[in-house]
C-alpha atoms as a PDB file:
ATOM      1  CA  MET A   1      -5.556  32.927  13.811  1.00  0.00           C
ATOM      2  CA  ALA A   2      -3.061  34.740  11.692  1.00  0.00           C
ATOM      3  CA  LEU A   3      -0.445  34.079  14.351  1.00  0.00           C
ATOM      4  CA  GLN A   4      -1.209  30.449  14.431  1.00  0.00           C
ATOM      5  CA  PHE A   5      -0.899  30.329  10.625  1.00  0.00           C
ATOM      6  CA  SER A   6       2.355  32.146  10.733  1.00  0.00           C
ATOM      7  CA  GLU A   7       3.825  29.722  13.408  1.00  0.00           C
ATOM      8  CA  HIS A   8       2.609  26.822  11.362  1.00  0.00           C
ATOM      9  CA  ARG A   9       4.430  28.187   8.198  1.00  0.00           C
ATOM     10  CA  LYS A  10       7.581  28.648  10.339  1.00  0.00           C
ATOM     11  CA  GLY A  11       7.309  25.118  11.594  1.00  0.00           C
ATOM     12  CA  GLU A  12       7.070  23.765   8.138  1.00  0.00           C
ATOM     13  CA  ALA A  13      10.081  25.834   6.942  1.00  0.00           C
ATOM     14  CA  HIS A  14      12.036  24.453   9.867  1.00  0.00           C
ATOM     15  CA  GLU A  15      11.066  20.902   8.960  1.00  0.00           C
ATOM     16  CA  ARG A  16      12.012  21.441   5.340  1.00  0.00           C
ATOM     17  CA  GLU A  17      15.410  22.544   6.396  1.00  0.00           C
ATOM     18  CA  ILE A  18      15.747  19.352   8.453  1.00  0.00           C
ATOM     19  CA  LEU A  19      14.667  17.262   5.584  1.00  0.00           C
ATOM     20  CA  SER A  20      17.262  18.838   3.276  1.00  0.00           C
ATOM     21  CA  ARG A  21      20.075  17.741   5.731  1.00  0.00           C
ATOM     22  CA  ARG A  22      18.718  14.218   6.187  1.00  0.00           C
ATOM     23  CA  ARG A  23      21.775  12.126   5.399  1.00  0.00           C
ATOM     24  CA  LEU A  24      24.800  11.515   7.564  1.00  0.00           C
ATOM     25  CA  PRO A  25      28.224  10.347   6.176  1.00  0.00           C
ATOM     26  CA  SER A  26      28.175   7.155   8.300  1.00  0.00           C
ATOM     27  CA  GLU A  27      24.524   6.249   7.374  1.00  0.00           C
ATOM     28  CA  ASN A  28      25.207   2.549   7.856  1.00  0.00           C
ATOM     29  CA  ALA A  29      26.583   2.890  11.382  1.00  0.00           C
ATOM     30  CA  PRO A  30      23.585   2.731  13.883  1.00  0.00           C
ATOM     31  CA  GLY A  31      25.666   4.123  16.776  1.00  0.00           C
ATOM     32  CA  ASN A  32      25.664   7.595  15.113  1.00  0.00           C
ATOM     33  CA  PHE A  33      21.870   8.005  15.489  1.00  0.00           C
ATOM     34  CA  ALA A  34      19.621   9.065  18.212  1.00  0.00           C
ATOM     35  CA  VAL A  35      16.929   6.589  17.107  1.00  0.00           C
ATOM     36  CA  ARG A  36      17.666   3.035  15.982  1.00  0.00           C
ATOM     37  CA  ILE A  37      14.984   0.776  14.486  1.00  0.00           C
ATOM     38  CA  TYR A  38      15.452  -2.849  13.902  1.00  0.00           C
ATOM     39  CA  ALA A  39      12.643  -4.333  11.904  1.00  0.00           C
ATOM     40  CA  LEU A  40      14.147  -7.433  10.157  1.00  0.00           C
ATOM     41  CA  GLY A  41      13.287 -10.567  11.907  1.00  0.00           C
ATOM     42  CA  ARG A  42      11.810  -8.588  14.856  1.00  0.00           C
ATOM     43  CA  PHE A  43      10.921  -5.115  15.868  1.00  0.00           C
ATOM     44  CA  THR A  44      13.147  -3.229  18.354  1.00  0.00           C
ATOM     45  CA  LEU A  45      13.346   0.513  19.021  1.00  0.00           C
ATOM     46  CA  LEU A  46      16.436   1.763  20.819  1.00  0.00           C
ATOM     47  CA  LEU A  47      16.848   5.380  21.836  1.00  0.00           C
ATOM     48  CA  ARG A  48      20.247   6.896  22.642  1.00  0.00           C
ATOM     49  CA  ASP A  49      19.144   8.153  26.053  1.00  0.00           C
ATOM     50  CA  SER A  50      17.754   4.786  27.125  1.00  0.00           C
ATOM     51  CA  ALA A  51      19.723   1.591  27.716  1.00  0.00           C
ATOM     52  CA  ALA A  52      16.708  -0.739  27.194  1.00  0.00           C
ATOM     53  CA  PRO A  53      14.437  -1.211  24.223  1.00  0.00           C
ATOM     54  CA  VAL A  54      11.107   0.622  24.166  1.00  0.00           C
ATOM     55  CA  SER A  55       8.317  -1.575  25.521  1.00  0.00           C
ATOM     56  CA  ARG A  56       6.012  -2.678  22.736  1.00  0.00           C
ATOM     57  CA  LYS A  57       3.286  -3.482  25.095  1.00  0.00           C
ATOM     58  CA  LEU A  58       3.173  -0.026  26.746  1.00  0.00           C
ATOM     59  CA  GLN A  59       3.631   1.898  23.447  1.00  0.00           C
ATOM     60  CA  TYR A  60       1.574  -0.239  21.107  1.00  0.00           C
ATOM     61  CA  LYS A  61      -0.165   2.252  18.916  1.00  0.00           C
ATOM     62  CA  PRO A  62       2.712   4.765  18.615  1.00  0.00           C
ATOM     63  CA  LEU A  63       4.988   1.839  17.568  1.00  0.00           C
ATOM     64  CA  GLU A  64       2.344   0.599  15.022  1.00  0.00           C
ATOM     65  CA  LEU A  65       2.394   4.080  13.483  1.00  0.00           C
ATOM     66  CA  LEU A  66       6.212   3.856  13.256  1.00  0.00           C
ATOM     67  CA  LYS A  67       6.014   0.412  11.670  1.00  0.00           C
ATOM     68  CA  ALA A  68       3.441   1.604   9.092  1.00  0.00           C
ATOM     69  CA  LEU A  69       5.397   4.674   8.286  1.00  0.00           C
ATOM     70  CA  ILE A  70       8.446   2.577   7.419  1.00  0.00           C
ATOM     71  CA  ALA A  71       6.349   0.006   5.576  1.00  0.00           C
ATOM     72  CA  LEU A  72       4.953   2.634   3.426  1.00  0.00           C
ATOM     73  CA  GLY A  73       8.268   4.136   2.403  1.00  0.00           C
ATOM     74  CA  GLY A  74       9.171   6.303   5.366  1.00  0.00           C
ATOM     75  CA  ARG A  75       9.148   9.539   3.344  1.00  0.00           C
ATOM     76  CA  ASP A  76       6.360  11.843   2.313  1.00  0.00           C
ATOM     77  CA  VAL A  77       3.598   9.291   3.395  1.00  0.00           C
ATOM     78  CA  SER A  78       0.173  10.942   3.460  1.00  0.00           C
ATOM     79  CA  VAL A  79      -1.591  11.257   6.765  1.00  0.00           C
ATOM     80  CA  GLU A  80      -4.740   9.852   5.203  1.00  0.00           C
ATOM     81  CA  ARG A  81      -2.919   6.700   4.035  1.00  0.00           C
ATOM     82  CA  LEU A  82      -1.482   6.069   7.402  1.00  0.00           C
ATOM     83  CA  ALA A  83      -4.732   6.783   9.226  1.00  0.00           C
ATOM     84  CA  HIS A  84      -6.589   4.422   6.958  1.00  0.00           C
ATOM     85  CA  ALA A  85      -3.881   1.788   7.469  1.00  0.00           C
ATOM     86  CA  LEU A  86      -4.107   1.891  11.294  1.00  0.00           C
ATOM     87  CA  TRP A  87      -7.725   2.732  11.730  1.00  0.00           C
ATOM     88  CA  PRO A  88      -9.486   1.132   8.702  1.00  0.00           C
ATOM     89  CA  ASP A  89     -12.893   0.766  10.486  1.00  0.00           C
ATOM     90  CA  ALA A  90     -12.997   4.335  11.958  1.00  0.00           C
ATOM     91  CA  GLU A  91     -15.951   6.496  10.805  1.00  0.00           C
ATOM     92  CA  GLY A  92     -15.816  10.025   9.708  1.00  0.00           C
ATOM     93  CA  ASP A  93     -12.754  12.001  10.894  1.00  0.00           C
ATOM     94  CA  ASN A  94     -12.094   9.625  13.792  1.00  0.00           C
ATOM     95  CA  ALA A  95      -9.114   7.967  12.051  1.00  0.00           C
ATOM     96  CA  LEU A  96      -7.510  11.430  11.530  1.00  0.00           C
ATOM     97  CA  VAL A  97      -8.221  12.459  15.104  1.00  0.00           C
ATOM     98  CA  ALA A  98      -6.615   9.203  16.366  1.00  0.00           C
ATOM     99  CA  PHE A  99      -3.667   9.719  14.021  1.00  0.00           C
ATOM    100  CA  ASP A 100      -2.913  13.153  15.355  1.00  0.00           C
ATOM    101  CA  THR A 101      -3.058  11.874  18.930  1.00  0.00           C
ATOM    102  CA  THR A 102      -0.837   8.933  18.084  1.00  0.00           C
ATOM    103  CA  LEU A 103       1.715  11.084  16.292  1.00  0.00           C
ATOM    104  CA  HIS A 104       1.939  13.291  19.265  1.00  0.00           C
ATOM    105  CA  ARG A 105       2.627  10.263  21.500  1.00  0.00           C
ATOM    106  CA  LEU A 106       5.263   8.936  19.049  1.00  0.00           C
ATOM    107  CA  ARG A 107       6.977  12.282  18.865  1.00  0.00           C
ATOM    108  CA  ARG A 108       7.147  12.358  22.714  1.00  0.00           C
ATOM    109  CA  LEU A 109       8.325   8.673  22.755  1.00  0.00           C
ATOM    110  CA  LEU A 110      11.194   9.312  20.453  1.00  0.00           C
ATOM    111  CA  GLY A 111      12.149  12.604  22.190  1.00  0.00           C
ATOM    112  CA  VAL A 112      14.095  13.926  19.232  1.00  0.00           C
ATOM    113  CA  PRO A 113      12.944  17.211  17.597  1.00  0.00           C
ATOM    114  CA  GLY A 114      13.003  16.762  13.862  1.00  0.00           C
ATOM    115  CA  ALA A 115      12.894  12.930  13.846  1.00  0.00           C
ATOM    116  CA  LEU A 116       9.296  13.062  12.553  1.00  0.00           C
ATOM    117  CA  ILE A 117       8.686  15.681   9.938  1.00  0.00           C
ATOM    118  CA  LEU A 118       5.105  16.616   8.914  1.00  0.00           C
ATOM    119  CA  ILE A 119       4.793  18.830   5.908  1.00  0.00           C
ATOM    120  CA  GLY A 120       1.599  19.378   4.002  1.00  0.00           C
ATOM    121  CA  ARG A 121      -0.040  16.333   5.719  1.00  0.00           C
ATOM    122  CA  LYS A 122       2.740  14.177   4.669  1.00  0.00           C
ATOM    123  CA  LEU A 123       4.964  12.450   7.245  1.00  0.00           C
ATOM    124  CA  THR A 124       8.603  11.628   6.921  1.00  0.00           C
ATOM    125  CA  LEU A 125      10.970   9.620   9.275  1.00  0.00           C
ATOM    126  CA  SER A 126      14.113  11.706   9.230  1.00  0.00           C
ATOM    127  CA  ALA A 127      17.147   9.797   8.104  1.00  0.00           C
ATOM    128  CA  GLN A 128      19.281  12.365   9.827  1.00  0.00           C
ATOM    129  CA  TYR A 129      18.226  11.299  13.184  1.00  0.00           C
ATOM    130  CA  CYS A 130      16.832   7.824  12.669  1.00  0.00           C
ATOM    131  CA  TRP A 131      18.627   4.652  11.485  1.00  0.00           C
ATOM    132  CA  VAL A 132      16.532   1.745  10.146  1.00  0.00           C
ATOM    133  CA  ASP A 133      17.998  -1.579   9.438  1.00  0.00           C
ATOM    134  CA  CYS A 134      15.862  -2.011   6.332  1.00  0.00           C
ATOM    135  CA  TRP A 135      17.259   1.129   4.745  1.00  0.00           C
ATOM    136  CA  ALA A 136      20.729   0.099   5.644  1.00  0.00           C
ATOM    137  CA  VAL A 137      20.401  -3.265   4.035  1.00  0.00           C
ATOM    138  CA  GLU A 138      18.919  -1.834   0.905  1.00  0.00           C
ATOM    139  CA  ARG A 139      21.822   0.664   0.603  1.00  0.00           C
ATOM    140  CA  LEU A 140      24.353  -2.071   0.944  1.00  0.00           C
ATOM    141  CA  MET A 141      22.720  -4.297  -1.592  1.00  0.00           C
ATOM    142  CA  HIS A 142      22.529  -1.321  -4.010  1.00  0.00           C
ATOM    143  CA  SER A 143      26.287  -0.744  -3.587  1.00  0.00           C
ATOM    144  CA  LEU A 144      26.886  -4.367  -4.451  1.00  0.00           C
ATOM    145  CA  ASP A 145      24.633  -4.172  -7.441  1.00  0.00           C
ATOM    146  CA  VAL A 146      26.476  -1.206  -8.791  1.00  0.00           C
ATOM    147  CA  SER A 147      29.915  -2.700  -8.359  1.00  0.00           C
ATOM    148  CA  PHE A 148      28.735  -5.908 -10.187  1.00  0.00           C
ATOM    149  CA  LYS A 149      27.100  -3.800 -12.906  1.00  0.00           C
ATOM    150  CA  GLU A 150      30.295  -1.710 -13.356  1.00  0.00           C
ATOM    151  CA  ASN A 151      32.479  -4.805 -13.242  1.00  0.00           C
ATOM    152  CA  ARG A 152      34.614  -3.515 -10.498  1.00  0.00           C
ATOM    153  CA  ALA A 153      33.657  -5.873  -7.598  1.00  0.00           C
ATOM    154  CA  LEU A 154      36.710  -6.994  -5.637  1.00  0.00           C
ATOM    155  CA  GLU A 155      36.679  -9.946  -3.397  1.00  0.00           C
ATOM    156  CA  ALA A 156      37.586  -8.007  -0.203  1.00  0.00           C
ATOM    157  CA  ASP A 157      34.754  -5.473  -0.955  1.00  0.00           C
ATOM    158  CA  VAL A 158      32.211  -8.151  -1.581  1.00  0.00           C
ATOM    159  CA  ALA A 159      33.165 -10.048   1.545  1.00  0.00           C
ATOM    160  CA  ALA A 160      32.981  -6.853   3.689  1.00  0.00           C
ATOM    161  CA  LEU A 161      29.518  -5.735   2.270  1.00  0.00           C
ATOM    162  CA  GLY A 162      28.229  -9.315   2.491  1.00  0.00           C
ATOM    163  CA  GLU A 163      29.234  -9.510   6.189  1.00  0.00           C
ATOM    164  CA  GLN A 164      27.367  -6.222   6.905  1.00  0.00           C
ATOM    165  CA  ILE A 165      24.239  -7.361   5.007  1.00  0.00           C
ATOM    166  CA  GLU A 166      24.176 -10.760   6.814  1.00  0.00           C
ATOM    167  CA  SER A 167      24.677  -9.129  10.210  1.00  0.00           C
ATOM    168  CA  LEU A 168      21.535  -7.016   9.551  1.00  0.00           C
ATOM    169  CA  TYR A 169      19.209  -9.339   7.775  1.00  0.00           C
ATOM    170  CA  HIS A 170      17.705 -11.522  10.482  1.00  0.00           C
ATOM    171  CA  GLY A 171      14.497 -12.374   8.658  1.00  0.00           C
ATOM    172  CA  MET A 172      11.398 -10.980   7.256  1.00  0.00           C
ATOM    173  CA  PHE A 173      10.210  -7.361   7.861  1.00  0.00           C
ATOM    174  CA  LEU A 174       8.627  -7.266  11.280  1.00  0.00           C
ATOM    175  CA  GLY A 175       9.430 -10.874  11.902  1.00  0.00           C
ATOM    176  CA  SER A 176       6.724 -12.845  13.731  1.00  0.00           C
ATOM    177  CA  ASP A 177       4.283  -9.940  13.642  1.00  0.00           C
ATOM    178  CA  THR A 178       0.988 -10.967  11.888  1.00  0.00           C
ATOM    179  CA  PRO A 179       1.345  -9.625   8.267  1.00  0.00           C
ATOM    180  CA  THR A 180      -1.049  -6.715   7.522  1.00  0.00           C
ATOM    181  CA  SER A 181      -2.058  -5.156   4.243  1.00  0.00           C
ATOM    182  CA  TRP A 182       0.417  -2.397   4.801  1.00  0.00           C
ATOM    183  CA  SER A 183       3.383  -4.419   5.712  1.00  0.00           C
ATOM    184  CA  LEU A 184       3.168  -7.137   3.075  1.00  0.00           C
ATOM    185  CA  SER A 185       4.617  -5.182   0.214  1.00  0.00           C
ATOM    186  CA  LEU A 186       7.934  -4.196   1.983  1.00  0.00           C
ATOM    187  CA  ARG A 187       8.055  -7.680   3.581  1.00  0.00           C
ATOM    188  CA  GLU A 188       7.971  -9.423   0.139  1.00  0.00           C
ATOM    189  CA  ARG A 189      10.255  -6.879  -1.483  1.00  0.00           C
ATOM    190  CA  LEU A 190      12.996  -7.168   1.073  1.00  0.00           C
ATOM    191  CA  ARG A 191      12.790 -10.968   1.073  1.00  0.00           C
ATOM    192  CA  SER A 192      12.926 -11.060  -2.714  1.00  0.00           C
ATOM    193  CA  ARG A 193      15.795  -8.615  -2.669  1.00  0.00           C
ATOM    194  CA  TYR A 194      17.780 -10.672  -0.228  1.00  0.00           C
ATOM    195  CA  LEU A 195      17.294 -13.850  -2.299  1.00  0.00           C
ATOM    196  CA  ARG A 196      18.566 -11.925  -5.367  1.00  0.00           C
ATOM    197  CA  TYR A 197      21.624 -10.876  -3.284  1.00  0.00           C
ATOM    198  CA  ILE A 198      22.229 -14.525  -2.347  1.00  0.00           C
ATOM    199  CA  THR A 199      22.142 -15.490  -6.024  1.00  0.00           C
ATOM    200  CA  SER A 200      24.444 -12.769  -7.435  1.00  0.00           C
ATOM    201  CA  VAL A 201      26.984 -12.983  -4.701  1.00  0.00           C
ATOM    202  CA  GLY A 202      26.939 -16.766  -4.717  1.00  0.00           C
ATOM    203  CA  ARG A 203      27.665 -16.688  -8.488  1.00  0.00           C
ATOM    204  CA  PHE A 204      30.484 -14.210  -7.795  1.00  0.00           C
ATOM    205  CA  TRP A 205      32.156 -16.580  -5.332  1.00  0.00           C
ATOM    206  CA  GLU A 206      31.702 -19.442  -7.757  1.00  0.00           C
ATOM    207  CA  ALA A 207      33.451 -17.436 -10.558  1.00  0.00           C
ATOM    208  CA  ALA A 208      36.195 -16.623  -8.210  1.00  0.00           C
ATOM    209  CA  GLY A 209      36.746 -20.290  -7.291  1.00  0.00           C
ATOM    210  CA  GLN A 210      35.654 -19.711  -3.747  1.00  0.00           C
ATOM    211  CA  HIS A 211      33.249 -22.514  -3.583  1.00  0.00           C
ATOM    212  CA  ALA A 212      33.241 -22.867   0.245  1.00  0.00           C
ATOM    213  CA  GLN A 213      32.057 -19.318   0.562  1.00  0.00           C
ATOM    214  CA  ALA A 214      29.406 -19.833  -2.044  1.00  0.00           C
ATOM    215  CA  ILE A 215      28.213 -22.865  -0.064  1.00  0.00           C
ATOM    216  CA  GLU A 216      27.795 -20.835   3.114  1.00  0.00           C
ATOM    217  CA  LEU A 217      25.788 -18.353   1.195  1.00  0.00           C
ATOM    218  CA  TYR A 218      23.415 -20.709  -0.528  1.00  0.00           C
ATOM    219  CA  ARG A 219      22.861 -22.367   2.852  1.00  0.00           C
ATOM    220  CA  LYS A 220      21.615 -19.041   4.152  1.00  0.00           C
ATOM    221  CA  GLY A 221      19.392 -18.731   1.127  1.00  0.00           C
ATOM    222  CA  LEU A 222      17.780 -21.969   1.938  1.00  0.00           C
ATOM    223  CA  GLU A 223      17.153 -20.832   5.499  1.00  0.00           C
ATOM    224  CA  THR A 224      15.151 -17.981   4.039  1.00  0.00           C
ATOM    225  CA  ASP A 225      13.382 -20.093   1.420  1.00  0.00           C
ATOM    226  CA  ASN A 226      13.718 -23.788   1.407  1.00  0.00           C
ATOM    227  CA  LEU A 227      11.689 -24.089  -1.804  1.00  0.00           C
ATOM    228  CA  MET A 228      14.290 -22.403  -4.036  1.00  0.00           C
ATOM    229  CA  GLU A 229      15.527 -25.412  -6.081  1.00  0.00           C
ATOM    230  CA  HIS A 230      18.222 -23.229  -7.661  1.00  0.00           C
ATOM    231  CA  PHE A 231      20.010 -22.959  -4.303  1.00  0.00           C
ATOM    232  CA  TYR A 232      19.932 -26.825  -3.895  1.00  0.00           C
ATOM    233  CA  GLN A 233      21.414 -27.130  -7.445  1.00  0.00           C
ATOM    234  CA  GLN A 234      24.194 -24.519  -6.753  1.00  0.00           C
ATOM    235  CA  LEU A 235      24.965 -26.194  -3.407  1.00  0.00           C
ATOM    236  CA  MET A 236      25.301 -29.574  -5.105  1.00  0.00           C
ATOM    237  CA  TYR A 237      27.530 -28.049  -7.812  1.00  0.00           C
ATOM    238  CA  CYS A 238      29.790 -26.415  -5.337  1.00  0.00           C
ATOM    239  CA  HIS A 239      30.192 -29.560  -3.209  1.00  0.00           C
ATOM    240  CA  LEU A 240      31.082 -31.493  -6.449  1.00  0.00           C
ATOM    241  CA  GLN A 241      33.644 -28.748  -7.355  1.00  0.00           C
ATOM    242  CA  LEU A 242      35.294 -29.562  -3.865  1.00  0.00           C
ATOM    243  CA  ASP A 243      34.927 -33.369  -4.524  1.00  0.00           C
ATOM    244  CA  GLN A 244      32.426 -33.589  -1.638  1.00  0.00           C
ATOM    245  CA  ARG A 245      30.088 -36.190  -3.330  1.00  0.00           C
ATOM    246  CA  ALA A 246      28.389 -37.392  -0.057  1.00  0.00           C
ATOM    247  CA  GLU A 247      27.573 -33.743   0.831  1.00  0.00           C
ATOM    248  CA  ALA A 248      26.128 -33.165  -2.649  1.00  0.00           C
ATOM    249  CA  LEU A 249      23.948 -36.251  -2.359  1.00  0.00           C
ATOM    250  CA  ALA A 250      22.738 -35.078   1.143  1.00  0.00           C
ATOM    251  CA  VAL A 251      21.655 -31.760  -0.457  1.00  0.00           C
ATOM    252  CA  TYR A 252      19.843 -33.731  -3.184  1.00  0.00           C
ATOM    253  CA  TYR A 253      17.834 -35.867  -0.814  1.00  0.00           C
ATOM    254  CA  ARG A 254      16.876 -32.782   1.312  1.00  0.00           C
ATOM    255  CA  CYS A 255      15.662 -31.170  -1.883  1.00  0.00           C
ATOM    256  CA  GLU A 256      13.667 -34.211  -2.871  1.00  0.00           C
ATOM    257  CA  ARG A 257      12.031 -34.507   0.552  1.00  0.00           C
ATOM    258  CA  VAL A 258      11.046 -30.696   0.648  1.00  0.00           C
ATOM    259  CA  LEU A 259       9.671 -30.657  -2.846  1.00  0.00           C
ATOM    260  CA  SER A 260       7.837 -33.896  -2.457  1.00  0.00           C
ATOM    261  CA  ARG A 261       6.310 -33.108   0.928  1.00  0.00           C
ATOM    262  CA  LEU A 262       5.183 -29.564   0.107  1.00  0.00           C
ATOM    263  CA  HIS A 263       4.400 -29.783  -3.522  1.00  0.00           C
ATOM    264  CA  GLY A 264       4.220 -33.429  -4.498  1.00  0.00           C
ATOM    265  CA  ILE A 265       6.740 -32.980  -7.296  1.00  0.00           C
ATOM    266  CA  ARG A 266      10.029 -34.385  -8.193  1.00  0.00           C
ATOM    267  CA  PRO A 267      13.293 -32.448  -8.509  1.00  0.00           C
ATOM    268  CA  SER A 268      13.974 -31.043 -12.024  1.00  0.00           C
ATOM    269  CA  ALA A 269      16.177 -32.606 -14.654  1.00  0.00           C
ATOM    270  CA  THR A 270      19.063 -30.318 -13.821  1.00  0.00           C
ATOM    271  CA  THR A 271      18.927 -31.443 -10.147  1.00  0.00           C
ATOM    272  CA  GLU A 272      18.722 -35.189 -11.133  1.00  0.00           C
ATOM    273  CA  ALA A 273      21.670 -34.625 -13.444  1.00  0.00           C
ATOM    274  CA  LEU A 274      23.720 -33.360 -10.569  1.00  0.00           C
ATOM    275  CA  ARG A 275      22.631 -36.317  -8.490  1.00  0.00           C
ATOM    276  CA  VAL A 276      23.790 -38.777 -11.195  1.00  0.00           C
ATOM    277  CA  ARG A 277      27.168 -36.815 -11.415  1.00  0.00           C
ATOM    278  CA  ALA A 278      27.466 -37.243  -7.596  1.00  0.00           C
ATOM    279  CA  GLN A 279      26.772 -40.930  -7.730  1.00  0.00           C
ATOM    280  CA  THR A 280      29.010 -41.802 -10.719  1.00  0.00           C
ATOM    281  CA  SER A 281      31.957 -39.440 -10.205  1.00  0.00           C
ATOM    282  CA  GLY A 282      35.185 -41.308  -9.559  1.00  0.00           C
END
């Protein structure tokens, strides 16, 4: 028994060492990682030693554990919380037993020692070995936020960061998966964060006089949420700045149809004022 305890303590010490070295210099480049996880707009797990994605059908429960771990923060997530999320109806210790079995299967599936770190009944997905698109997108957006806040954003840098963000953000967290109680929070947070990114970078391009670039961005915003009247307004404004009155009116009528059909309301006074400007500009 003492030997088993000693080995357990050595295992935890090893995992703490791994955790302390969790970041890589090129943390936004997925090719540097043994495990790559794409969870925005779809769920795909790619392993360095395999050319094909891991089958979701054959590895359903281990992949559900991986999804839940990411959804709940990915770091120091309690075993009890994960077990309850995945086996909410299990009685007694059955959920914890199922968790231990599923974690073993997930470790074997990933095939990377140190990818999953269990310390004190808290589980972490190692950022040293695992790349997750959600994490990469949030890092990139944070970099943009800092550059805007410190008033040091340059057009080339904003364009480069924006291109990386848009290449990764393919839709909501876990895409077409049926939302669960444990996935909703991250799903909504990332969606809201992406819409704020659209707004802040769109305003940046407007201030820089780059209205065509702002137009492309606001269109992507409406693809994410077609009820954001603010995006319709900014689209109309940018088209008018480019003397594209017909395009501005087309945006207005699209806005009117969407708001009327889904909410039975009229566009706001601001949107109507832009319509009048588009119709009367000469």
